């Protein structure tokens, strides 16, 4: 069975294409890759697919690094890119090569399947009913019968697509949304912000109760013994040995991807805005902060200025995450004197080395 990877950002068009290709499971095995680029690279290494299918809808410049990786390391794997002319222009440098083939939207899933079959050399014959073949055998050739069945299959698929546009899907927060166009991810920011704020408030209350309990036990201990130091050591609350890392980014998808990559080695905190990051630093005192430089309103520059002017926070290591690659702009960024900077998408191993260098 042929194997293909489907890469792209989740939306109705992407889901519809996946559903369509998944129905071809007798010919092809489809695996959907996560949006985190480093994870996609790992999956390509492990699976070595016969075809990579890329939906270009909503992809940005950071995906150019993925295209460069595929062209450099896996030039034997054909890549089929599906998108409008405007979306294709973002990747013109790659799409001009023979490895990358393109389909321009608008197009149907059947058209895409025709290209996939040609690339993977799949020979597909429509399933026919024996009784019908027998009934029509006196009046129709086999080619005419197969053509008629193909048209019927096409009409059924068109009907299925219309029904699919009308049905509702359940999001992870149990909200209902009717599919008309691309899924609206704007609610994720709000939900993530509320969830993060609630978690911080709960931790703060827990800390307060813990300190009150410690103080009460210390007072009781002082009344019963002069050797207070051992008693203090016994009643001190357990402290997590994991380094606390704060990730700040207004893009919740990138936040979740970084958190997933770091959570096994570190205690990861998150903030979706500059204002919230200051609140987290004051309440949670992380050991190091990885800060998105370009955020609306209270951006990375203002956050760093606030940190350096605060007596409680001024020594906290802050590393910028930025999409800037121009040397002059990078020099102006370095002039703000962060503890370091990384170009997006950041390499996870480099993040870990930076944590070890700045925190220990």
Protein backbone atom coordinates (compact mmCIF):
# COMPACT_ATOMS: atom_id res chain seq x y z
CA UNK A 1 0.00 0.00 0.00
CA UNK A 2 1.26 3.48 -0.89
CA UNK A 3 2.02 5.90 1.95
CA UNK A 4 1.52 9.68 1.90
CA UNK A 5 1.85 12.52 4.42
CA UNK A 6 -0.74 15.31 4.47
CA UNK A 7 0.64 18.62 5.80
CA UNK A 8 -1.22 21.88 6.40
CA UNK A 9 -3.14 24.01 8.88
CA UNK A 10 -6.49 22.66 10.01
CA UNK A 11 -9.49 24.19 8.25
CA UNK A 12 -12.60 22.91 6.47
CA UNK A 13 -10.81 22.47 3.14
CA UNK A 14 -7.97 20.52 4.80
CA UNK A 15 -10.39 18.29 6.74
CA UNK A 16 -12.50 17.68 3.66
CA UNK A 17 -9.42 16.62 1.67
CA UNK A 18 -8.31 14.30 4.45
CA UNK A 19 -11.77 12.70 4.68
CA UNK A 20 -11.80 12.18 0.92
CA UNK A 21 -8.32 10.60 0.79
CA UNK A 22 -9.01 8.48 3.87
CA UNK A 23 -11.83 6.78 1.93
CA UNK A 24 -9.20 5.56 -0.53
CA UNK A 25 -7.67 3.34 2.16
CA UNK A 26 -7.56 0.33 -0.17
CA UNK A 27 -5.02 2.18 -2.31
CA UNK A 28 -3.25 4.65 -0.01
CA UNK A 29 -2.46 5.21 3.67
CA UNK A 30 -2.77 8.88 4.69
CA UNK A 31 -1.02 10.26 7.78
CA UNK A 32 -1.73 13.81 8.98
CA UNK A 33 1.27 15.72 10.34
CA UNK A 34 1.08 18.19 13.26
CA UNK A 35 1.62 21.87 12.56
CA UNK A 36 4.86 22.00 14.57
CA UNK A 37 7.56 22.04 11.87
CA UNK A 38 10.20 20.16 13.86
CA UNK A 39 7.68 17.37 14.50
CA UNK A 40 6.89 17.20 10.78
CA UNK A 41 10.60 16.76 10.00
CA UNK A 42 10.82 13.90 12.50
CA UNK A 43 7.77 12.16 10.98
CA UNK A 44 9.25 12.42 7.47
CA UNK A 45 12.46 10.81 8.74
CA UNK A 46 10.58 7.96 10.43
CA UNK A 47 7.99 7.17 7.73
CA UNK A 48 9.88 7.94 4.48
CA UNK A 49 6.60 8.41 2.54
CA UNK A 50 6.08 7.93 -1.17
CA UNK A 51 4.39 11.34 -1.48
CA UNK A 52 4.06 14.53 0.56
CA UNK A 53 0.82 16.48 0.03
CA UNK A 54 0.84 20.11 1.25
CA UNK A 55 -2.24 22.32 1.62
CA UNK A 56 -0.90 25.88 1.27
CA UNK A 57 -3.91 27.58 2.89
CA UNK A 58 -2.77 29.90 5.74
CA UNK A 59 0.87 28.73 5.58
CA UNK A 60 3.42 31.47 6.31
CA UNK A 61 7.10 32.09 5.60
CA UNK A 62 8.31 29.88 8.43
CA UNK A 63 7.22 26.86 6.37
CA UNK A 64 9.92 27.77 3.83
CA UNK A 65 12.40 26.09 6.19
CA UNK A 66 10.37 22.87 5.93
CA UNK A 67 10.37 23.06 2.12
CA UNK A 68 14.14 23.65 2.16
CA UNK A 69 14.60 20.64 4.46
CA UNK A 70 12.57 18.39 2.12
CA UNK A 71 14.45 19.58 -0.96
CA UNK A 72 17.86 19.13 0.69
CA UNK A 73 17.33 15.83 2.52
CA UNK A 74 14.56 14.07 0.57
CA UNK A 75 14.71 15.20 -3.05
CA UNK A 76 13.58 11.70 -4.13
CA UNK A 77 10.15 12.22 -2.46
CA UNK A 78 7.65 14.04 -4.74
CA UNK A 79 5.75 16.94 -3.19
CA UNK A 80 2.25 17.97 -4.32
CA UNK A 81 1.36 21.54 -3.27
CA UNK A 82 -2.29 22.65 -3.44
CA UNK A 83 -3.22 26.33 -3.20
CA UNK A 84 -4.23 29.50 -4.98
CA UNK A 85 -1.80 31.41 -7.17
CA UNK A 86 -1.26 33.92 -4.35
CA UNK A 87 -0.47 31.13 -1.87
CA UNK A 88 1.91 29.50 -4.32
CA UNK A 89 3.89 32.71 -4.85
CA UNK A 90 5.13 32.49 -1.25
CA UNK A 91 6.99 29.30 -2.20
CA UNK A 92 7.95 30.12 -5.82
CA UNK A 93 11.62 29.34 -5.23
CA UNK A 94 10.73 25.73 -4.41
CA UNK A 95 7.78 25.19 -6.75
CA UNK A 96 9.97 25.87 -9.79
CA UNK A 97 11.90 22.63 -9.18
CA UNK A 98 10.83 19.26 -10.60
CA UNK A 99 10.37 17.74 -7.13
CA UNK A 100 7.49 20.12 -6.29
CA UNK A 101 4.30 19.79 -8.34
CA UNK A 102 1.35 22.16 -7.97
CA UNK A 103 -2.43 22.13 -8.25
CA UNK A 104 -4.07 25.56 -8.38
CA UNK A 105 -7.28 26.11 -6.45
CA UNK A 106 -10.19 26.18 -6.98
CA UNK A 107 -10.14 22.47 -7.74
CA UNK A 108 -12.05 19.37 -6.67
CA UNK A 109 -10.82 16.54 -4.48
CA UNK A 110 -11.34 14.21 -7.44
CA UNK A 111 -8.90 16.31 -9.44
CA UNK A 112 -6.36 16.09 -6.59
CA UNK A 113 -6.88 12.32 -6.41
CA UNK A 114 -6.15 12.07 -10.15
CA UNK A 115 -2.75 13.73 -9.56
CA UNK A 116 -2.03 11.52 -6.53
CA UNK A 117 -2.79 8.37 -8.53
CA UNK A 118 -0.51 9.51 -11.35
CA UNK A 119 2.40 10.32 -9.00
CA UNK A 120 2.11 7.08 -7.00
CA UNK A 121 1.25 4.98 -10.06
CA UNK A 122 -2.04 3.79 -8.54
CA UNK A 123 -4.38 1.85 -10.82
CA UNK A 124 -7.94 2.36 -9.59
CA UNK A 125 -10.90 0.55 -11.06
CA UNK A 126 -14.38 1.49 -9.85
CA UNK A 127 -16.18 -1.19 -7.88
CA UNK A 128 -18.94 -2.70 -10.00
CA UNK A 129 -21.94 -4.79 -9.04
CA UNK A 130 -21.93 -8.19 -10.74
CA UNK A 131 -25.69 -8.27 -11.30
CA UNK A 132 -25.69 -4.85 -12.91
CA UNK A 133 -22.80 -5.80 -15.17
CA UNK A 134 -24.76 -8.82 -16.29
CA UNK A 135 -27.95 -6.81 -16.86
CA UNK A 136 -26.18 -4.20 -18.96
CA UNK A 137 -23.83 -6.56 -20.77
CA UNK A 138 -26.20 -6.97 -23.72
CA UNK A 139 -26.49 -3.22 -24.42
CA UNK A 140 -23.27 -1.59 -23.04
CA UNK A 141 -19.57 -2.24 -23.32
CA UNK A 142 -17.53 -2.57 -20.11
CA UNK A 143 -15.91 0.85 -20.73
CA UNK A 144 -19.34 2.49 -21.09
CA UNK A 145 -20.56 0.81 -17.92
CA UNK A 146 -17.49 1.89 -15.96
CA UNK A 147 -17.91 5.46 -17.23
CA UNK A 148 -21.54 5.47 -16.08
CA UNK A 149 -20.55 4.17 -12.65
CA UNK A 150 -17.82 6.83 -12.36
CA UNK A 151 -20.41 9.52 -13.04
CA UNK A 152 -22.70 8.07 -10.35
CA UNK A 153 -19.80 8.00 -7.88
CA UNK A 154 -19.05 11.62 -8.75
CA UNK A 155 -22.65 12.66 -8.10
CA UNK A 156 -22.62 10.88 -4.73
CA UNK A 157 -19.37 12.63 -3.78
CA UNK A 158 -20.82 16.04 -4.74
CA UNK A 159 -23.85 15.31 -2.57
CA UNK A 160 -21.60 14.24 0.33
CA UNK A 161 -19.61 17.48 0.06
CA UNK A 162 -22.81 19.55 0.22
CA UNK A 163 -23.98 17.67 3.30
CA UNK A 164 -20.57 18.04 4.90
CA UNK A 165 -20.69 21.83 4.56
CA UNK A 166 -23.96 21.93 6.51
CA UNK A 167 -23.12 19.64 9.39
CA UNK A 168 -21.66 20.93 12.66
CA UNK A 169 -18.47 19.96 14.37
CA UNK A 170 -17.69 19.98 18.06
CA UNK A 171 -14.61 21.90 19.21
CA UNK A 172 -12.53 20.80 22.17
CA UNK A 173 -14.34 23.23 24.49
CA UNK A 174 -17.71 21.66 23.49
CA UNK A 175 -18.67 24.70 21.45
CA UNK A 176 -20.66 24.14 18.28
CA UNK A 177 -19.77 25.85 15.01
CA UNK A 178 -21.33 25.39 11.56
CA UNK A 179 -18.79 24.80 8.81
CA UNK A 180 -19.15 27.48 6.17
CA UNK A 181 -15.52 28.40 5.57
CA UNK A 182 -12.20 27.97 7.41
CA UNK A 183 -12.53 27.20 11.13
CA UNK A 184 -12.29 30.32 13.28
CA UNK A 185 -9.43 29.86 15.76
CA UNK A 186 -9.91 33.25 17.43
CA UNK A 187 -11.68 31.76 20.45
CA UNK A 188 -8.57 29.73 21.31
CA UNK A 189 -6.68 32.89 22.34
CA UNK A 190 -9.47 33.87 24.74
CA UNK A 191 -9.88 30.36 26.14
CA UNK A 192 -6.13 29.91 26.61
CA UNK A 193 -5.84 33.27 28.34
CA UNK A 194 -8.70 32.46 30.75
CA UNK A 195 -7.33 29.00 31.42
CA UNK A 196 -3.83 30.32 32.10
CA UNK A 197 -5.11 33.12 34.38
CA UNK A 198 -7.26 30.67 36.34
CA UNK A 199 -4.29 28.35 36.79
CA UNK A 200 -2.13 31.21 38.10
CA UNK A 201 -4.83 32.31 40.55
CA UNK A 202 -5.20 28.75 41.84
CA UNK A 203 -1.44 28.41 42.30
CA UNK A 204 -1.26 31.74 44.12
CA UNK A 205 -4.01 30.70 46.55
CA UNK A 206 -2.30 27.36 47.09
CA UNK A 207 1.00 29.12 47.85
CA UNK A 208 -0.70 31.43 50.35
CA UNK A 209 -2.34 28.54 52.19
CA UNK A 210 0.93 26.62 52.20
CA UNK A 211 2.86 29.57 53.68
CA UNK A 212 0.20 30.06 56.36
CA UNK A 213 0.46 26.41 57.33
CA UNK A 214 4.25 26.65 57.47
CA UNK A 215 4.11 29.76 59.66
CA UNK A 216 1.68 28.11 62.10
CA UNK A 217 3.86 25.00 62.39
CA UNK A 218 6.97 27.12 62.93
CA UNK A 219 5.26 28.98 65.79
CA UNK A 220 4.26 25.69 67.43
CA UNK A 221 7.77 24.34 67.03
CA UNK A 222 9.38 27.42 68.63
CA UNK A 223 7.21 26.93 71.70
CA UNK A 224 8.28 23.32 72.22
CA UNK A 225 12.00 23.38 71.33
CA UNK A 226 14.93 25.74 70.92
CA UNK A 227 16.33 23.63 68.10
CA UNK A 228 14.15 25.30 65.53
CA UNK A 229 16.32 24.77 62.47
CA UNK A 230 15.68 21.02 62.04
CA UNK A 231 11.99 21.63 62.57
CA UNK A 232 11.97 24.32 59.87
CA UNK A 233 13.65 22.00 57.43
CA UNK A 234 11.05 19.32 58.09
CA UNK A 235 8.04 21.58 57.58
CA UNK A 236 9.27 23.45 54.51
CA UNK A 237 7.07 22.59 51.51
CA UNK A 238 8.58 20.44 48.81
CA UNK A 239 10.04 22.47 45.96
CA UNK A 240 9.90 21.24 42.38
CA UNK A 241 13.32 20.38 41.01
CA UNK A 242 12.30 21.26 37.48
CA UNK A 243 13.39 24.57 35.99
CA UNK A 244 10.42 26.88 35.41
CA UNK A 245 10.23 28.20 31.85
CA UNK A 246 7.81 30.95 30.79
CA UNK A 247 6.78 31.01 27.10
CA UNK A 248 5.20 34.25 25.85
CA UNK A 249 3.58 34.39 22.40
CA UNK A 250 0.31 35.79 21.05
CA UNK A 251 0.01 32.72 18.77
CA UNK A 252 -1.60 29.91 20.84
CA UNK A 253 -0.69 27.25 18.28
CA UNK A 254 3.03 28.03 18.58
CA UNK A 255 2.67 28.16 22.37
CA UNK A 256 1.18 24.68 22.49
CA UNK A 257 3.82 23.27 20.14
CA UNK A 258 6.71 24.65 22.24
CA UNK A 259 5.06 23.53 25.47
CA UNK A 260 4.67 19.97 24.14
CA UNK A 261 8.36 19.87 23.22
CA UNK A 262 9.58 21.16 26.63
CA UNK A 263 7.07 19.92 29.21
CA UNK A 264 8.83 16.59 29.88
CA UNK A 265 12.05 18.32 30.98
CA UNK A 266 10.80 21.58 32.48
CA UNK A 267 7.83 23.10 34.28
CA UNK A 268 6.33 25.22 31.51
CA UNK A 269 4.27 28.37 32.11
CA UNK A 270 2.51 30.26 29.31
CA UNK A 271 1.26 33.78 28.58
CA UNK A 272 -0.51 35.04 25.47
CA UNK A 273 0.23 38.78 25.83
CA UNK A 274 2.85 41.15 27.20
CA UNK A 275 0.61 42.31 30.02
CA UNK A 276 -0.11 38.76 31.13
CA UNK A 277 3.60 37.84 31.01
CA UNK A 278 4.43 40.54 33.59
CA UNK A 279 1.66 39.23 35.85
CA UNK A 280 3.01 35.67 35.54
CA UNK A 281 6.58 36.79 36.29
CA UNK A 282 5.49 38.63 39.44
CA UNK A 283 3.33 35.76 40.69
CA UNK A 284 5.25 32.68 39.55
CA UNK A 285 8.91 33.86 39.33
CA UNK A 286 10.02 31.66 36.41
CA UNK A 287 13.72 30.85 36.04
CA UNK A 288 13.85 32.00 32.39
CA UNK A 289 11.55 33.70 29.87
CA UNK A 290 11.32 33.08 26.11
CA UNK A 291 9.55 36.17 24.80
CA UNK A 292 7.94 36.79 21.40
CA UNK A 293 9.35 40.12 20.18
CA UNK A 294 6.52 41.12 17.82
CA UNK A 295 3.19 41.18 19.68
CA UNK A 296 0.31 43.64 19.28
CA UNK A 297 0.17 46.45 21.85
CA UNK A 298 2.44 45.52 24.76
CA UNK A 299 5.26 44.02 22.65
CA UNK A 300 8.50 42.29 23.63
CA UNK A 301 10.44 45.56 23.85
CA UNK A 302 8.02 47.03 26.41
CA UNK A 303 8.02 43.79 28.41
CA UNK A 304 11.83 43.75 28.58
CA UNK A 305 11.92 47.43 29.64
CA UNK A 306 9.41 46.67 32.41
CA UNK A 307 11.46 43.69 33.59
CA UNK A 308 14.74 45.62 33.73
CA UNK A 309 13.12 48.48 35.70
CA UNK A 310 11.61 46.15 38.31
CA UNK A 311 13.59 45.39 41.47
CA UNK A 312 12.03 41.94 41.69
CA UNK A 313 12.45 40.99 38.03
CA UNK A 314 15.50 42.84 36.73
CA UNK A 315 17.85 39.82 36.98
CA UNK A 316 15.47 37.39 35.27
CA UNK A 317 16.95 35.96 32.02
CA UNK A 318 14.90 37.00 28.98
CA UNK A 319 15.48 35.53 25.49
CA UNK A 320 13.73 37.02 22.45
CA UNK A 321 11.96 34.82 19.89
CA UNK A 322 11.67 36.67 16.60
CA UNK A 323 10.92 36.19 12.93
CA UNK A 324 13.35 39.01 12.03
CA UNK A 325 16.25 37.90 9.81
CA UNK A 326 17.53 41.24 8.52
CA UNK A 327 20.97 41.99 10.08
CA UNK A 328 20.22 45.69 10.77
CA UNK A 329 16.96 44.90 12.53
CA UNK A 330 18.66 42.16 14.54
CA UNK A 331 21.33 44.66 15.67
CA UNK A 332 18.61 47.05 16.88
CA UNK A 333 17.00 44.13 18.71
CA UNK A 334 20.31 43.18 20.37
CA UNK A 335 20.71 46.81 21.47
CA UNK A 336 17.80 46.25 23.86
CA UNK A 337 20.18 43.92 25.77
CA UNK A 338 18.15 40.73 26.12
CA UNK A 339 20.01 37.66 27.41
CA UNK A 340 19.77 36.21 23.92
CA UNK A 341 17.59 35.89 20.84
CA UNK A 342 16.44 33.07 18.54
CA UNK A 343 14.97 33.23 15.06
CA UNK A 344 11.59 31.52 14.66
CA UNK A 345 10.89 28.68 14.46
CA UNK A 346 13.30 28.02 17.35
CA UNK A 347 15.29 24.78 17.48
CA UNK A 348 14.27 22.81 20.59
CA UNK A 349 17.80 21.59 21.31
CA UNK A 350 19.09 25.16 21.09
CA UNK A 351 16.41 26.26 23.58
CA UNK A 352 17.55 23.55 25.99
CA UNK A 353 21.21 24.58 25.60
CA UNK A 354 20.23 28.21 26.28
CA UNK A 355 18.34 27.20 29.42
CA UNK A 356 21.36 25.23 30.64
CA UNK A 357 23.69 28.14 29.91
CA UNK A 358 21.57 30.86 31.56
CA UNK A 359 19.97 28.90 34.42
CA UNK A 360 22.22 25.91 34.97
